[in-house]
N, C-alpha and C. Protein backbone atom coordinates (compact mmCIF):
# COMPACT_ATOMS: atom_id res chain seq x y z
N MET A 1 -83.17 57.22 33.65
CA MET A 1 -83.53 55.38 34.15
C MET A 1 -83.76 54.29 33.59
N GLU A 2 -84.21 55.49 32.01
CA GLU A 2 -84.76 54.12 30.49
C GLU A 2 -83.02 53.78 30.75
N TYR A 3 -82.09 54.02 30.43
CA TYR A 3 -80.45 53.46 30.80
C TYR A 3 -80.56 51.98 31.05
N VAL A 4 -80.95 52.17 31.91
CA VAL A 4 -80.54 50.87 33.05
C VAL A 4 -80.86 49.65 32.44
N GLY A 5 -81.81 49.91 31.49
CA GLY A 5 -82.68 48.22 30.71
C GLY A 5 -82.30 47.83 30.03
N LEU A 6 -81.33 48.91 29.16
CA LEU A 6 -80.16 48.49 27.94
C LEU A 6 -78.67 48.39 28.81
N LEU A 7 -78.64 48.72 29.47
CA LEU A 7 -77.50 48.45 30.17
C LEU A 7 -76.96 46.68 30.63
N ALA A 8 -78.43 46.40 31.39
CA ALA A 8 -78.82 45.18 31.81
C ALA A 8 -78.37 43.64 31.28
N PRO A 9 -78.43 43.23 29.83
CA PRO A 9 -78.14 42.39 29.09
C PRO A 9 -76.58 42.42 29.08
N ILE A 10 -75.73 43.46 28.99
CA ILE A 10 -74.26 43.89 28.20
C ILE A 10 -73.31 43.41 30.22
N ALA A 11 -74.25 43.91 31.79
CA ALA A 11 -73.62 43.63 32.55
C ALA A 11 -73.74 41.54 32.87
N PHE A 12 -74.69 41.05 31.77
CA PHE A 12 -75.52 40.03 32.19
C PHE A 12 -73.81 39.05 31.67
N VAL A 13 -73.62 40.08 30.20
CA VAL A 13 -72.61 38.61 29.74
C VAL A 13 -71.33 39.55 30.14
N PHE A 14 -71.24 40.56 31.07
CA PHE A 14 -69.46 40.42 31.66
C PHE A 14 -69.55 39.81 33.29
N ALA A 15 -71.01 39.46 33.75
CA ALA A 15 -71.03 38.51 34.82
C ALA A 15 -70.63 36.44 34.52
N ILE A 16 -70.84 36.90 33.47
CA ILE A 16 -70.87 35.43 33.35
C ILE A 16 -69.75 34.65 32.14
N SER A 17 -68.87 36.09 31.81
CA SER A 17 -67.34 36.37 31.75
C SER A 17 -66.73 35.67 32.87
N ALA A 18 -66.90 36.96 34.17
CA ALA A 18 -66.42 36.98 34.98
C ALA A 18 -66.06 35.35 36.02
N LEU A 19 -67.57 34.71 35.52
CA LEU A 19 -67.19 33.79 36.94
C LEU A 19 -66.41 32.30 36.21
N ALA A 20 -66.95 32.57 34.87
CA ALA A 20 -65.66 32.15 34.07
C ALA A 20 -64.31 31.83 34.02
N GLN A 21 -63.64 32.78 33.91
CA GLN A 21 -62.60 33.15 34.57
C GLN A 21 -62.33 32.99 35.67
N LEU A 22 -63.50 32.92 36.64
CA LEU A 22 -62.45 32.96 38.02
C LEU A 22 -62.39 30.97 38.38
N GLY A 23 -63.53 31.06 37.28
CA GLY A 23 -63.49 29.04 37.00
C GLY A 23 -62.07 29.06 36.82
N ALA A 24 -61.58 29.49 35.58
CA ALA A 24 -60.03 28.92 35.09
C ALA A 24 -59.05 29.06 35.97
N LEU A 25 -59.24 30.70 36.60
CA LEU A 25 -58.15 30.79 37.65
C LEU A 25 -57.78 30.05 38.59
N LYS A 26 -59.07 29.28 39.27
CA LYS A 26 -59.45 28.55 40.06
C LYS A 26 -58.12 26.97 40.16
N LYS A 27 -58.35 26.61 38.39
CA LYS A 27 -57.84 25.40 38.65
C LYS A 27 -57.22 25.62 38.10
N GLU A 28 -56.36 26.77 37.60
CA GLU A 28 -54.29 27.32 37.71
C GLU A 28 -54.24 27.29 39.41
N VAL A 29 -54.88 27.87 40.01
CA VAL A 29 -54.19 27.77 41.12
C VAL A 29 -54.17 26.27 42.38
N GLU A 30 -54.99 25.43 42.14
CA GLU A 30 -55.06 24.15 41.35
C GLU A 30 -54.05 22.95 41.40
N GLU A 31 -52.97 23.72 40.26
CA GLU A 31 -52.70 23.13 39.60
C GLU A 31 -51.19 23.29 39.99
N LEU A 32 -51.61 25.00 40.40
CA LEU A 32 -50.27 25.19 41.47
C LEU A 32 -49.44 24.79 42.33
N ARG A 33 -50.72 24.63 43.33
CA ARG A 33 -51.16 24.00 44.58
C ARG A 33 -50.70 22.64 44.80
N GLU A 34 -50.79 21.90 43.15
CA GLU A 34 -50.50 20.34 43.41
C GLU A 34 -48.62 20.29 42.65
N GLN A 35 -48.66 20.92 42.69
CA GLN A 35 -46.64 21.04 41.82
C GLN A 35 -45.83 21.90 42.96
N ILE A 36 -46.16 22.28 43.75
CA ILE A 36 -45.94 22.54 44.95
C ILE A 36 -45.89 21.37 46.00
N GLU A 37 -47.20 21.35 45.80
CA GLU A 37 -46.33 19.83 47.00
C GLU A 37 -45.81 18.38 46.25
N HIS A 38 -45.56 18.10 45.15
CA HIS A 38 -44.75 17.42 44.74
C HIS A 38 -43.10 18.01 44.37
N MET A 39 -42.98 19.16 45.25
CA MET A 39 -41.65 19.52 44.61
C MET A 39 -41.19 19.70 46.50
N ARG A 40 -41.97 19.23 47.93
CA ARG A 40 -41.42 19.65 48.79
C ARG A 40 -40.57 18.22 49.09
N PRO A 41 -39.35 18.37 49.58
CA PRO A 41 -39.70 16.69 50.35
C PRO A 41 -39.94 16.54 50.69
């Protein structure tokens, strides 16, 4: 159980990275959605 304390900071870094990637993905999806709306007749 001692190792759980050592893994916590690593898990925190991965969680922050995942949130940043999610934000970037949402932005890209929104840009693609706008492009599709402009292409529709």
